[in-house]
């Protein structure tokens, strides 16, 4: 709604105030930033809750010689609920800081995309400007991905150690510098698992649907 001229016209008429285009841009940027902040905050809470639950399972339920062994009856919802309560009651501030940093980078990227779309005519006439715009967008993409990488590793430290977000980011840098090979392997495995989950579920559903409909005589008689 912040981009709708009719909304701003109504605001000006109802409030009897004059809103400049700079104020409109500021309000729009603020709304986008807050929206992205909330989205990333929810993602951070979910990620940290899962990290806390897995860490508790690994160090307590599945510890060598522990009375609580893995593969017990149940789905782990109680453990996940307990971890979520721990995160929500003790670490929301740290997660909010990380979510804000990510949201700020995403907002800057959106601003650069908007600036890129608004200067297309000038870029078509000036190759240097076009090249510079693409380089800036590439740098912004790299910055966002780096911040997200460090932040999500930091969320794990927050969930396990109960530390602040800044200290968690410091520990993340030390982890990457001291174990670059292990971190690279983890990223490759994560990409492979994401690829398998992305393609295996749709293909399995499509295959089951095809054979189910193919064996249905009523469906076949209708000429489908």
N, C-alpha and C. Protein backbone atom coordinates (compact mmCIF):
# COMPACT_ATOMS: atom_id res chain seq x y z
N UNK A 1 0.82 -1.21 0.00
CA UNK A 1 0.00 0.00 0.00
C UNK A 1 0.86 1.26 0.00
N UNK A 2 2.09 1.16 0.42
CA UNK A 2 2.94 2.35 0.46
C UNK A 2 3.33 2.84 -0.93
N UNK A 3 3.13 1.99 -1.95
CA UNK A 3 3.45 2.38 -3.32
C UNK A 3 2.21 2.84 -4.08
N UNK A 4 1.05 2.89 -3.44
CA UNK A 4 -0.20 3.24 -4.09
C UNK A 4 -0.42 4.75 -3.99
N UNK A 5 -0.51 5.41 -5.14
CA UNK A 5 -0.71 6.86 -5.14
C UNK A 5 -2.06 7.25 -4.55
N UNK A 6 -3.09 6.41 -4.74
CA UNK A 6 -4.41 6.72 -4.19
C UNK A 6 -4.38 6.74 -2.66
N UNK A 7 -3.59 5.82 -2.08
CA UNK A 7 -3.48 5.80 -0.62
C UNK A 7 -2.86 7.09 -0.11
N UNK A 8 -1.79 7.53 -0.77
CA UNK A 8 -1.14 8.77 -0.33
C UNK A 8 -2.03 9.98 -0.55
N UNK A 9 -2.81 9.96 -1.63
CA UNK A 9 -3.74 11.07 -1.87
C UNK A 9 -4.80 11.13 -0.78
N UNK A 10 -5.27 9.96 -0.35
CA UNK A 10 -6.27 9.91 0.72
C UNK A 10 -5.67 10.39 2.05
N UNK A 11 -4.43 9.98 2.31
CA UNK A 11 -3.76 10.44 3.54
C UNK A 11 -3.61 11.95 3.53
N UNK A 12 -3.20 12.51 2.41
CA UNK A 12 -3.02 13.96 2.32
C UNK A 12 -4.35 14.69 2.53
N UNK A 13 -5.44 14.09 1.97
CA UNK A 13 -6.75 14.75 2.09
C UNK A 13 -7.30 14.63 3.51
N UNK A 14 -7.16 13.46 4.12
CA UNK A 14 -7.73 13.25 5.46
C UNK A 14 -6.95 14.00 6.54
N UNK A 15 -5.64 13.98 6.43
CA UNK A 15 -4.80 14.57 7.46
C UNK A 15 -4.42 16.02 7.19
N UNK A 16 -4.76 16.48 5.99
CA UNK A 16 -4.44 17.86 5.60
C UNK A 16 -2.94 18.14 5.73
N UNK A 17 -2.15 17.20 5.25
CA UNK A 17 -0.71 17.36 5.27
C UNK A 17 -0.16 17.12 3.88
N UNK A 18 1.00 17.65 3.64
CA UNK A 18 1.67 17.48 2.37
C UNK A 18 2.82 16.50 2.55
N UNK A 19 2.78 15.39 1.82
CA UNK A 19 3.79 14.35 1.93
C UNK A 19 4.68 14.42 0.69
N UNK A 20 5.96 14.63 0.90
CA UNK A 20 6.90 14.70 -0.22
C UNK A 20 7.26 13.30 -0.67
N UNK A 21 7.88 13.22 -1.84
CA UNK A 21 8.27 11.91 -2.38
C UNK A 21 9.37 11.28 -1.53
N UNK A 22 10.19 12.11 -0.88
CA UNK A 22 11.23 11.58 0.00
C UNK A 22 10.60 10.89 1.22
N UNK A 23 9.54 11.49 1.75
CA UNK A 23 8.85 10.87 2.88
C UNK A 23 8.16 9.57 2.46
N UNK A 24 7.61 9.54 1.24
CA UNK A 24 7.00 8.32 0.74
C UNK A 24 8.03 7.20 0.61
N UNK A 25 9.20 7.55 0.09
CA UNK A 25 10.28 6.56 -0.03
C UNK A 25 10.72 6.08 1.34
N UNK A 26 10.82 6.98 2.29
CA UNK A 26 11.25 6.61 3.64
C UNK A 26 10.24 5.66 4.29
N UNK A 27 8.95 5.96 4.16
CA UNK A 27 7.92 5.10 4.74
C UNK A 27 7.92 3.74 4.07
N UNK A 28 8.05 3.73 2.75
CA UNK A 28 8.07 2.45 2.01
C UNK A 28 9.28 1.62 2.43
N UNK A 29 10.43 2.24 2.53
CA UNK A 29 11.64 1.52 2.93
C UNK A 29 11.50 0.96 4.34
N UNK A 30 10.90 1.77 5.21
CA UNK A 30 10.68 1.32 6.60
C UNK A 30 9.77 0.11 6.65
N UNK A 31 8.67 0.15 5.89
CA UNK A 31 7.73 -0.97 5.90
C UNK A 31 8.37 -2.24 5.34
N UNK A 32 9.14 -2.08 4.26
CA UNK A 32 9.82 -3.25 3.68
C UNK A 32 10.83 -3.83 4.66
N UNK A 33 11.58 -2.96 5.32
CA UNK A 33 12.58 -3.41 6.29
C UNK A 33 11.93 -4.16 7.45
N UNK A 34 10.83 -3.61 7.97
CA UNK A 34 10.15 -4.27 9.09
C UNK A 34 9.58 -5.62 8.67
N UNK A 35 9.00 -5.69 7.48
CA UNK A 35 8.45 -6.95 6.99
C UNK A 35 9.53 -8.01 6.85
N UNK A 36 10.65 -7.64 6.22
CA UNK A 36 11.76 -8.58 6.08
C UNK A 36 12.34 -8.96 7.43
N UNK A 37 12.37 -8.01 8.35
CA UNK A 37 12.87 -8.29 9.70
C UNK A 37 12.01 -9.35 10.39
N UNK A 38 10.71 -9.21 10.30
CA UNK A 38 9.82 -10.19 10.93
C UNK A 38 9.96 -11.57 10.28
N UNK A 39 10.07 -11.60 8.96
CA UNK A 39 10.22 -12.89 8.26
C UNK A 39 11.51 -13.58 8.69
N UNK A 40 12.60 -12.83 8.72
CA UNK A 40 13.89 -13.41 9.12
C UNK A 40 13.91 -13.76 10.60
N UNK A 41 13.18 -13.02 11.41
CA UNK A 41 13.11 -13.33 12.84
C UNK A 41 12.41 -14.66 13.07
N UNK A 42 11.31 -14.89 12.36
CA UNK A 42 10.61 -16.18 12.47
C UNK A 42 11.51 -17.32 11.99
N UNK A 43 12.23 -17.10 10.88
CA UNK A 43 13.15 -18.12 10.38
C UNK A 43 14.27 -18.40 11.38
N UNK A 44 14.75 -17.35 12.04
CA UNK A 44 15.81 -17.52 13.05
C UNK A 44 15.30 -18.32 14.25
N UNK A 45 14.08 -18.04 14.68
CA UNK A 45 13.51 -18.79 15.80
C UNK A 45 13.35 -20.26 15.45
N UNK A 46 12.87 -20.54 14.24
CA UNK A 46 12.70 -21.93 13.81
C UNK A 46 14.04 -22.65 13.74
N UNK A 47 15.03 -21.98 13.15
CA UNK A 47 16.36 -22.59 13.00
C UNK A 47 17.01 -22.85 14.36
N UNK A 48 16.93 -21.89 15.25
CA UNK A 48 17.53 -22.04 16.57
C UNK A 48 16.80 -23.09 17.40
N UNK A 49 15.49 -23.17 17.27
CA UNK A 49 14.73 -24.18 18.00
C UNK A 49 15.13 -25.58 17.57
N UNK A 50 15.26 -25.78 16.27
CA UNK A 50 15.69 -27.10 15.78
C UNK A 50 17.12 -27.40 16.22
N UNK A 51 17.98 -26.39 16.18
CA UNK A 51 19.37 -26.59 16.62
C UNK A 51 19.44 -26.97 18.08
N UNK A 52 18.64 -26.30 18.91
CA UNK A 52 18.62 -26.59 20.34
C UNK A 52 18.10 -28.00 20.60
N UNK A 53 17.05 -28.41 19.89
CA UNK A 53 16.49 -29.74 20.07
C UNK A 53 17.48 -30.83 19.65
N UNK A 54 18.14 -30.62 18.53
CA UNK A 54 19.12 -31.61 18.05
C UNK A 54 20.32 -31.69 18.99
N UNK A 55 20.78 -30.53 19.48
CA UNK A 55 21.91 -30.53 20.40
C UNK A 55 21.56 -31.26 21.70
N UNK A 56 20.35 -31.05 22.20
CA UNK A 56 19.93 -31.74 23.43
C UNK A 56 19.84 -33.24 23.20
N UNK A 57 19.30 -33.62 22.04
CA UNK A 57 19.21 -35.06 21.72
C UNK A 57 20.60 -35.68 21.61
N UNK A 58 21.52 -34.96 20.98
CA UNK A 58 22.85 -35.53 20.74
C UNK A 58 23.65 -35.65 22.03
N UNK A 59 23.51 -34.68 22.92
CA UNK A 59 24.34 -34.68 24.14
C UNK A 59 23.66 -35.35 25.33
N UNK A 60 22.35 -35.57 25.26
CA UNK A 60 21.64 -36.14 26.40
C UNK A 60 20.93 -37.44 26.04
N UNK A 61 19.98 -37.38 25.11
CA UNK A 61 19.21 -38.57 24.77
C UNK A 61 20.08 -39.64 24.11
N UNK A 62 21.02 -39.23 23.28
CA UNK A 62 21.82 -40.19 22.53
C UNK A 62 23.26 -40.26 23.01
N UNK A 63 23.54 -39.74 24.21
CA UNK A 63 24.90 -39.77 24.74
C UNK A 63 25.30 -41.20 25.10
N UNK A 64 26.58 -41.56 24.97
CA UNK A 64 27.02 -42.92 25.35
C UNK A 64 26.73 -43.22 26.82
N UNK A 65 26.07 -44.32 27.06
CA UNK A 65 25.74 -44.72 28.42
C UNK A 65 24.55 -44.02 29.02
N UNK A 66 23.87 -43.20 28.25
CA UNK A 66 22.71 -42.49 28.78
C UNK A 66 21.52 -43.41 28.87
N UNK A 67 20.67 -43.17 29.84
CA UNK A 67 19.47 -43.98 29.99
C UNK A 67 18.47 -43.68 28.86
N UNK A 68 18.48 -42.45 28.38
CA UNK A 68 17.55 -42.07 27.31
C UNK A 68 18.27 -42.29 25.98
N UNK A 69 17.94 -43.36 25.30
CA UNK A 69 18.58 -43.68 24.04
C UNK A 69 17.74 -43.15 22.88
N UNK A 70 18.37 -43.10 21.73
CA UNK A 70 17.67 -42.59 20.56
C UNK A 70 16.69 -43.65 20.05
N UNK A 71 15.90 -43.22 19.06
CA UNK A 71 14.92 -44.11 18.44
C UNK A 71 13.89 -44.60 19.44
N UNK A 72 13.52 -43.74 20.39
CA UNK A 72 12.48 -44.10 21.32
C UNK A 72 11.12 -43.93 20.65
N UNK A 73 10.10 -44.38 21.34
CA UNK A 73 8.76 -44.19 20.83
C UNK A 73 8.40 -42.71 20.92
N UNK A 74 7.85 -42.18 19.85
CA UNK A 74 7.49 -40.76 19.83
C UNK A 74 8.11 -40.06 18.64
N UNK A 75 7.67 -38.85 18.41
CA UNK A 75 8.12 -38.08 17.26
C UNK A 75 9.10 -36.96 17.61
N UNK A 76 9.38 -36.77 18.87
CA UNK A 76 10.28 -35.71 19.28
C UNK A 76 9.63 -34.35 19.41
N UNK A 77 8.30 -34.30 19.35
CA UNK A 77 7.61 -33.01 19.45
C UNK A 77 7.81 -32.38 20.82
N UNK A 78 7.85 -33.23 21.87
CA UNK A 78 8.05 -32.67 23.22
C UNK A 78 9.41 -32.00 23.33
N UNK A 79 10.44 -32.65 22.77
CA UNK A 79 11.78 -32.06 22.80
C UNK A 79 11.83 -30.77 21.98
N UNK A 80 11.19 -30.78 20.81
CA UNK A 80 11.16 -29.58 19.99
C UNK A 80 10.37 -28.47 20.67
N UNK A 81 9.28 -28.82 21.31
CA UNK A 81 8.51 -27.80 22.03
C UNK A 81 9.29 -27.20 23.18
N UNK A 82 10.03 -28.04 23.91
CA UNK A 82 10.86 -27.53 24.99
C UNK A 82 11.96 -26.62 24.47
N UNK A 83 12.56 -27.01 23.35
CA UNK A 83 13.62 -26.18 22.75
C UNK A 83 13.06 -24.84 22.27
N UNK A 84 11.87 -24.88 21.68
CA UNK A 84 11.24 -23.65 21.21
C UNK A 84 10.94 -22.71 22.36
N UNK A 85 10.48 -23.26 23.48
CA UNK A 85 10.20 -22.42 24.65
C UNK A 85 11.49 -21.81 25.20
N UNK A 86 12.57 -22.59 25.19
CA UNK A 86 13.85 -22.06 25.65
C UNK A 86 14.31 -20.89 24.78
N UNK A 87 14.19 -21.06 23.47
CA UNK A 87 14.60 -20.00 22.55
C UNK A 87 13.70 -18.77 22.71
N UNK A 88 12.39 -19.00 22.79
CA UNK A 88 11.45 -17.89 22.86
C UNK A 88 11.54 -17.12 24.18
N UNK A 89 11.93 -17.79 25.24
CA UNK A 89 11.96 -17.14 26.55
C UNK A 89 13.33 -16.55 26.91
N UNK A 90 14.38 -16.94 26.19
CA UNK A 90 15.72 -16.51 26.60
C UNK A 90 16.54 -15.84 25.49
N UNK A 91 16.25 -16.10 24.22
CA UNK A 91 17.17 -15.68 23.17
C UNK A 91 16.52 -14.88 22.05
N UNK A 92 15.32 -14.35 22.26
CA UNK A 92 14.67 -13.60 21.19
C UNK A 92 15.45 -12.34 20.81
N UNK A 93 16.08 -11.70 21.78
CA UNK A 93 16.85 -10.50 21.48
C UNK A 93 18.03 -10.76 20.57
N UNK A 94 18.78 -11.82 20.86
CA UNK A 94 19.93 -12.17 20.02
C UNK A 94 19.48 -12.51 18.61
N UNK A 95 18.39 -13.25 18.49
CA UNK A 95 17.89 -13.61 17.16
C UNK A 95 17.36 -12.39 16.42
N UNK A 96 16.78 -11.45 17.16
CA UNK A 96 16.28 -10.23 16.52
C UNK A 96 17.42 -9.42 15.92
N UNK A 97 18.56 -9.39 16.59
CA UNK A 97 19.72 -8.66 16.06
C UNK A 97 20.19 -9.29 14.75
N UNK A 98 20.32 -10.61 14.74
CA UNK A 98 20.73 -11.30 13.52
C UNK A 98 19.73 -11.12 12.39
N UNK A 99 18.44 -11.20 12.72
CA UNK A 99 17.41 -11.02 11.71
C UNK A 99 17.43 -9.61 11.14
N UNK A 100 17.71 -8.63 11.99
CA UNK A 100 17.77 -7.24 11.51
C UNK A 100 18.94 -7.04 10.55
N UNK A 101 20.07 -7.62 10.84
CA UNK A 101 21.24 -7.47 9.95
C UNK A 101 20.93 -8.08 8.58
N UNK A 102 20.33 -9.27 8.58
CA UNK A 102 19.98 -9.90 7.31
C UNK A 102 18.94 -9.07 6.56
N UNK A 103 17.92 -8.60 7.29
CA UNK A 103 16.87 -7.80 6.66
C UNK A 103 17.43 -6.51 6.08
N UNK A 104 18.40 -5.92 6.76
CA UNK A 104 19.01 -4.69 6.25
C UNK A 104 19.73 -4.96 4.92
N UNK A 105 20.46 -6.07 4.84
CA UNK A 105 21.14 -6.42 3.59
C UNK A 105 20.12 -6.69 2.48
N UNK A 106 19.04 -7.37 2.80
CA UNK A 106 18.01 -7.65 1.79
C UNK A 106 17.34 -6.37 1.32
N UNK A 107 17.10 -5.45 2.24
CA UNK A 107 16.49 -4.17 1.86
C UNK A 107 17.41 -3.38 0.94
N UNK A 108 18.70 -3.38 1.23
CA UNK A 108 19.66 -2.69 0.36
C UNK A 108 19.69 -3.32 -1.03
N UNK A 109 19.59 -4.64 -1.08
CA UNK A 109 19.56 -5.31 -2.39
C UNK A 109 18.31 -4.93 -3.18
N UNK A 110 17.17 -4.89 -2.49
CA UNK A 110 15.94 -4.48 -3.16
C UNK A 110 16.04 -3.04 -3.66
N UNK A 111 16.66 -2.19 -2.85
CA UNK A 111 16.87 -0.81 -3.28
C UNK A 111 17.74 -0.72 -4.52
N UNK A 112 18.78 -1.57 -4.58
CA UNK A 112 19.64 -1.57 -5.76
C UNK A 112 18.90 -2.10 -6.98
N UNK A 113 18.04 -3.09 -6.79
CA UNK A 113 17.25 -3.60 -7.91
C UNK A 113 16.30 -2.52 -8.42
N UNK A 114 15.69 -1.78 -7.49
CA UNK A 114 14.80 -0.71 -7.91
C UNK A 114 15.57 0.37 -8.67
N UNK A 115 16.75 0.73 -8.15
CA UNK A 115 17.57 1.72 -8.83
C UNK A 115 18.00 1.22 -10.21
N UNK A 116 18.28 -0.07 -10.31
CA UNK A 116 18.67 -0.65 -11.59
C UNK A 116 17.53 -0.56 -12.60
N UNK A 117 16.31 -0.87 -12.15
CA UNK A 117 15.16 -0.81 -13.07
C UNK A 117 14.83 0.63 -13.48
N UNK A 118 15.11 1.58 -12.59
CA UNK A 118 14.80 2.98 -12.89
C UNK A 118 15.83 3.63 -13.80
N UNK A 119 16.99 3.03 -13.92
CA UNK A 119 18.07 3.63 -14.72
C UNK A 119 18.39 2.80 -15.96
N UNK A 120 17.42 2.00 -16.42
CA UNK A 120 17.68 1.15 -17.58
C UNK A 120 17.99 1.98 -18.82
N UNK A 121 17.27 3.07 -19.03
CA UNK A 121 17.52 3.90 -20.21
C UNK A 121 18.92 4.49 -20.18
N UNK A 122 19.33 4.98 -19.01
CA UNK A 122 20.67 5.55 -18.89
C UNK A 122 21.74 4.48 -19.06
N UNK A 123 21.46 3.26 -18.56
CA UNK A 123 22.43 2.18 -18.69
C UNK A 123 22.59 1.74 -20.15
N UNK A 124 21.49 1.80 -20.91
CA UNK A 124 21.59 1.43 -22.33
C UNK A 124 22.47 2.40 -23.11
N UNK A 125 22.57 3.62 -22.61
CA UNK A 125 23.39 4.62 -23.30
C UNK A 125 24.81 4.70 -22.76
N UNK A 126 25.05 4.10 -21.60
CA UNK A 126 26.36 4.20 -20.95
C UNK A 126 26.77 2.81 -20.46
N UNK A 127 27.70 2.20 -21.14
CA UNK A 127 28.14 0.85 -20.80
C UNK A 127 28.87 0.83 -19.45
N UNK A 128 29.59 1.88 -19.13
CA UNK A 128 30.32 1.94 -17.85
C UNK A 128 29.33 1.94 -16.69
N UNK A 129 28.24 2.72 -16.83
CA UNK A 129 27.22 2.75 -15.79
C UNK A 129 26.55 1.39 -15.64
N UNK A 130 26.28 0.76 -16.74
CA UNK A 130 25.63 -0.57 -16.69
C UNK A 130 26.55 -1.58 -16.03
N UNK A 131 27.83 -1.57 -16.38
CA UNK A 131 28.79 -2.49 -15.79
C UNK A 131 28.94 -2.21 -14.30
N UNK A 132 29.01 -0.93 -13.92
CA UNK A 132 29.12 -0.59 -12.51
C UNK A 132 27.92 -1.04 -11.71
N UNK A 133 26.71 -0.89 -12.28
CA UNK A 133 25.49 -1.31 -11.60
C UNK A 133 25.49 -2.82 -11.37
N UNK A 134 25.92 -3.58 -12.38
CA UNK A 134 25.95 -5.03 -12.25
C UNK A 134 26.98 -5.45 -11.20
N UNK A 135 28.11 -4.77 -11.15
CA UNK A 135 29.14 -5.09 -10.16
C UNK A 135 28.64 -4.80 -8.75
N UNK A 136 27.94 -3.69 -8.58
CA UNK A 136 27.40 -3.36 -7.26
C UNK A 136 26.37 -4.40 -6.83
N UNK A 137 25.51 -4.83 -7.74
CA UNK A 137 24.52 -5.84 -7.41
C UNK A 137 25.18 -7.17 -7.06
N UNK A 138 26.26 -7.50 -7.76
CA UNK A 138 26.98 -8.73 -7.44
C UNK A 138 27.60 -8.65 -6.05
N UNK A 139 28.18 -7.51 -5.73
CA UNK A 139 28.76 -7.32 -4.40
C UNK A 139 27.69 -7.39 -3.31
N UNK A 140 26.52 -6.81 -3.57
CA UNK A 140 25.44 -6.86 -2.60
C UNK A 140 24.95 -8.29 -2.39
N UNK A 141 24.91 -9.07 -3.48
CA UNK A 141 24.51 -10.48 -3.37
C UNK A 141 25.52 -11.25 -2.52
N UNK A 142 26.79 -11.03 -2.76
CA UNK A 142 27.84 -11.71 -1.99
C UNK A 142 27.76 -11.31 -0.52
N UNK A 143 27.52 -10.02 -0.26
CA UNK A 143 27.41 -9.55 1.12
C UNK A 143 26.23 -10.21 1.82
N UNK A 144 25.08 -10.27 1.15
CA UNK A 144 23.90 -10.88 1.77
C UNK A 144 24.13 -12.35 2.07
N UNK A 145 24.70 -13.10 1.13
CA UNK A 145 24.93 -14.52 1.35
C UNK A 145 25.95 -14.75 2.47
N UNK A 146 26.96 -13.90 2.54
CA UNK A 146 27.95 -14.04 3.61
C UNK A 146 27.32 -13.77 4.97
N UNK A 147 26.52 -12.71 5.05
CA UNK A 147 25.85 -12.38 6.31
C UNK A 147 24.90 -13.50 6.72
N UNK A 148 24.16 -14.05 5.76
CA UNK A 148 23.24 -15.14 6.08
C UNK A 148 24.00 -16.37 6.56
N UNK A 149 25.12 -16.68 5.90
CA UNK A 149 25.92 -17.84 6.30
C UNK A 149 26.42 -17.70 7.72
N UNK A 150 27.01 -16.56 8.03
CA UNK A 150 27.54 -16.33 9.38
C UNK A 150 26.41 -16.29 10.41
N UNK A 151 25.30 -15.65 10.05
CA UNK A 151 24.19 -15.50 11.00
C UNK A 151 23.58 -16.84 11.36
N UNK A 152 23.37 -17.71 10.39
CA UNK A 152 22.72 -18.99 10.68
C UNK A 152 23.64 -19.91 11.47
N UNK A 153 24.94 -19.83 11.23
CA UNK A 153 25.87 -20.56 12.11
C UNK A 153 25.86 -19.94 13.50
N UNK A 154 25.72 -18.61 13.54
CA UNK A 154 25.65 -17.94 14.84
C UNK A 154 24.41 -18.33 15.62
N UNK A 155 23.29 -18.55 14.92
CA UNK A 155 22.07 -18.99 15.60
C UNK A 155 22.29 -20.32 16.31
N UNK A 156 23.09 -21.18 15.70
CA UNK A 156 23.38 -22.47 16.33
C UNK A 156 24.15 -22.27 17.63
N UNK A 157 25.13 -21.36 17.60
CA UNK A 157 25.88 -21.06 18.83
C UNK A 157 24.97 -20.46 19.89
N UNK A 158 24.07 -19.59 19.47
CA UNK A 158 23.12 -19.00 20.42
C UNK A 158 22.27 -20.08 21.07
N UNK A 159 21.81 -21.03 20.27
CA UNK A 159 20.95 -22.10 20.79
C UNK A 159 21.70 -23.04 21.72
N UNK A 160 22.96 -23.32 21.40
CA UNK A 160 23.71 -24.31 22.19
C UNK A 160 24.40 -23.66 23.39
N UNK A 161 25.06 -22.53 23.16
CA UNK A 161 25.85 -21.90 24.21
C UNK A 161 25.06 -20.89 25.03
N UNK A 162 23.95 -20.39 24.47
CA UNK A 162 23.19 -19.36 25.17
C UNK A 162 23.90 -18.03 25.19
N UNK A 163 24.67 -17.75 24.16
CA UNK A 163 25.50 -16.53 24.13
C UNK A 163 24.79 -15.44 23.33
N UNK A 164 25.43 -14.29 23.25
CA UNK A 164 24.89 -13.19 22.46
C UNK A 164 25.19 -13.43 20.98
N UNK A 165 24.49 -12.69 20.12
CA UNK A 165 24.66 -12.90 18.69
C UNK A 165 26.05 -12.47 18.22
N UNK A 166 26.57 -11.37 18.75
CA UNK A 166 27.89 -10.90 18.33
C UNK A 166 28.98 -11.91 18.69
N UNK A 167 28.91 -12.44 19.91
CA UNK A 167 29.89 -13.45 20.32
C UNK A 167 29.75 -14.70 19.46
N UNK A 168 28.51 -15.06 19.10
CA UNK A 168 28.28 -16.23 18.25
C UNK A 168 28.90 -16.03 16.87
N UNK A 169 28.79 -14.82 16.31
CA UNK A 169 29.41 -14.54 15.02
C UNK A 169 30.93 -14.63 15.10
N UNK A 170 31.49 -14.16 16.20
CA UNK A 170 32.94 -14.29 16.41
C UNK A 170 33.35 -15.75 16.44
N UNK A 171 32.59 -16.58 17.13
CA UNK A 171 32.89 -18.01 17.18
C UNK A 171 32.73 -18.65 15.81
N UNK A 172 31.79 -18.16 15.02
CA UNK A 172 31.60 -18.69 13.67
C UNK A 172 32.81 -18.41 12.80
N UNK A 173 33.34 -17.20 12.87
CA UNK A 173 34.54 -16.86 12.11
C UNK A 173 35.72 -17.75 12.53
N UNK A 174 35.87 -17.97 13.82
CA UNK A 174 36.95 -18.83 14.30
C UNK A 174 36.76 -20.27 13.81
N UNK A 175 35.51 -20.72 13.79
CA UNK A 175 35.23 -22.07 13.30
C UNK A 175 35.60 -22.22 11.83
N UNK A 176 35.20 -21.23 11.02
CA UNK A 176 35.48 -21.31 9.59
C UNK A 176 36.98 -21.23 9.31
N UNK A 177 37.68 -20.37 10.04
CA UNK A 177 39.11 -20.21 9.82
C UNK A 177 39.91 -21.42 10.29
N UNK A 178 39.45 -22.08 11.35
CA UNK A 178 40.18 -23.22 11.88
C UNK A 178 39.80 -24.54 11.22
N UNK A 179 38.59 -24.61 10.64
CA UNK A 179 38.14 -25.86 10.01
C UNK A 179 37.49 -25.57 8.64
N UNK A 180 38.26 -25.00 7.71
CA UNK A 180 37.64 -24.66 6.42
C UNK A 180 37.20 -25.89 5.64
N UNK A 181 37.95 -26.99 5.73
CA UNK A 181 37.57 -28.20 5.02
C UNK A 181 36.26 -28.78 5.50
N UNK A 182 36.10 -28.85 6.82
CA UNK A 182 34.87 -29.40 7.39
C UNK A 182 33.67 -28.54 7.04
N UNK A 183 33.84 -27.24 7.09
CA UNK A 183 32.74 -26.34 6.75
C UNK A 183 32.35 -26.50 5.29
N UNK A 184 33.34 -26.66 4.41
CA UNK A 184 33.05 -26.86 2.99
C UNK A 184 32.29 -28.15 2.76
N UNK A 185 32.71 -29.22 3.44
CA UNK A 185 32.01 -30.50 3.31
C UNK A 185 30.57 -30.37 3.80
N UNK A 186 30.38 -29.68 4.91
CA UNK A 186 29.03 -29.48 5.42
C UNK A 186 28.14 -28.75 4.41
N UNK A 187 28.69 -27.74 3.77
CA UNK A 187 27.91 -26.99 2.79
C UNK A 187 27.56 -27.85 1.59
N UNK A 188 28.51 -28.68 1.14
CA UNK A 188 28.25 -29.55 -0.02
C UNK A 188 27.16 -30.57 0.33
N UNK A 189 27.27 -31.16 1.51
CA UNK A 189 26.26 -32.13 1.94
C UNK A 189 24.89 -31.47 2.06
N UNK A 190 24.86 -30.25 2.57
CA UNK A 190 23.58 -29.54 2.70
C UNK A 190 22.97 -29.28 1.32
N UNK A 191 23.80 -28.90 0.35
CA UNK A 191 23.28 -28.66 -0.99
C UNK A 191 22.75 -29.95 -1.61
N UNK A 192 23.46 -31.07 -1.41
CA UNK A 192 23.00 -32.34 -1.95
C UNK A 192 21.68 -32.77 -1.33
N UNK A 193 21.57 -32.63 -0.01
CA UNK A 193 20.32 -32.99 0.66
C UNK A 193 19.17 -32.09 0.21
N UNK A 194 19.45 -30.82 0.05
CA UNK A 194 18.41 -29.90 -0.43
C UNK A 194 17.96 -30.28 -1.83
N UNK A 195 18.92 -30.66 -2.67
CA UNK A 195 18.59 -31.07 -4.03
C UNK A 195 17.73 -32.33 -4.03
N UNK A 196 18.12 -33.30 -3.21
CA UNK A 196 17.35 -34.54 -3.14
C UNK A 196 15.93 -34.31 -2.63
N UNK A 197 15.81 -33.49 -1.59
CA UNK A 197 14.48 -33.22 -1.04
C UNK A 197 13.63 -32.41 -2.01
N UNK A 198 14.27 -31.52 -2.77
CA UNK A 198 13.53 -30.68 -3.69
C UNK A 198 12.94 -31.48 -4.85
N UNK A 199 13.70 -32.48 -5.32
CA UNK A 199 13.27 -33.24 -6.49
C UNK A 199 12.62 -34.58 -6.17
N UNK A 200 13.02 -35.20 -5.07
CA UNK A 200 12.50 -36.54 -4.78
C UNK A 200 11.02 -36.52 -4.43
N UNK A 201 10.59 -35.56 -3.59
CA UNK A 201 9.18 -35.52 -3.19
C UNK A 201 8.23 -35.26 -4.37
N UNK A 202 8.48 -34.25 -5.21
CA UNK A 202 7.58 -34.06 -6.38
C UNK A 202 7.59 -35.25 -7.33
N UNK A 203 8.76 -35.85 -7.57
CA UNK A 203 8.81 -36.98 -8.48
C UNK A 203 8.07 -38.18 -7.90
N UNK A 204 8.20 -38.42 -6.61
CA UNK A 204 7.49 -39.53 -5.99
C UNK A 204 5.98 -39.32 -6.04
N UNK A 205 5.54 -38.11 -5.75
CA UNK A 205 4.11 -37.81 -5.80
C UNK A 205 3.57 -37.94 -7.22
N UNK A 206 4.34 -37.44 -8.20
CA UNK A 206 3.90 -37.53 -9.60
C UNK A 206 3.82 -38.99 -10.06
N UNK A 207 4.79 -39.81 -9.65
CA UNK A 207 4.77 -41.22 -10.03
C UNK A 207 3.58 -41.96 -9.42
N UNK A 208 3.35 -41.74 -8.14
CA UNK A 208 2.20 -42.38 -7.48
C UNK A 208 0.89 -41.93 -8.10
N UNK A 209 0.79 -40.64 -8.41
CA UNK A 209 -0.43 -40.13 -9.02
C UNK A 209 -0.65 -40.73 -10.40
N UNK A 210 0.42 -40.86 -11.17
CA UNK A 210 0.29 -41.42 -12.53
C UNK A 210 -0.20 -42.86 -12.49
N UNK A 211 0.44 -43.69 -11.68
CA UNK A 211 0.05 -45.11 -11.63
C UNK A 211 -1.32 -45.30 -10.99
N UNK A 212 -1.69 -44.43 -10.05
CA UNK A 212 -3.02 -44.53 -9.45
C UNK A 212 -4.09 -44.21 -10.47
N UNK A 213 -3.90 -43.15 -11.23
CA UNK A 213 -4.88 -42.78 -12.25
C UNK A 213 -4.86 -43.75 -13.42
N UNK A 214 -3.69 -44.27 -13.74
CA UNK A 214 -3.58 -45.22 -14.86
C UNK A 214 -4.31 -46.52 -14.58
N UNK A 215 -4.36 -46.91 -13.32
CA UNK A 215 -5.04 -48.15 -12.95
C UNK A 215 -6.52 -47.95 -12.63
N UNK A 216 -6.99 -46.70 -12.68
CA UNK A 216 -8.39 -46.40 -12.41
C UNK A 216 -9.19 -46.53 -13.70
N UNK A 217 -10.06 -47.55 -13.79
CA UNK A 217 -10.83 -47.80 -15.01
C UNK A 217 -11.79 -46.66 -15.31
N UNK A 218 -12.40 -46.11 -14.28
CA UNK A 218 -13.34 -45.00 -14.48
C UNK A 218 -12.65 -43.79 -15.09
N UNK A 219 -11.47 -43.52 -14.61
CA UNK A 219 -10.70 -42.38 -15.13
C UNK A 219 -10.29 -42.63 -16.57
N UNK A 220 -9.92 -43.91 -16.88
CA UNK A 220 -9.51 -44.23 -18.25
C UNK A 220 -10.68 -44.21 -19.23
N UNK A 221 -11.86 -44.61 -18.76
CA UNK A 221 -13.03 -44.64 -19.65
C UNK A 221 -13.46 -43.25 -20.09
N UNK A 222 -13.13 -42.23 -19.29
CA UNK A 222 -13.49 -40.86 -19.64
C UNK A 222 -12.55 -40.26 -20.67
N UNK A 223 -11.53 -41.02 -21.05
CA UNK A 223 -10.63 -40.57 -22.10
C UNK A 223 -9.51 -39.66 -21.65
N UNK A 224 -9.25 -39.62 -20.35
CA UNK A 224 -8.16 -38.78 -19.85
C UNK A 224 -6.82 -39.46 -20.07
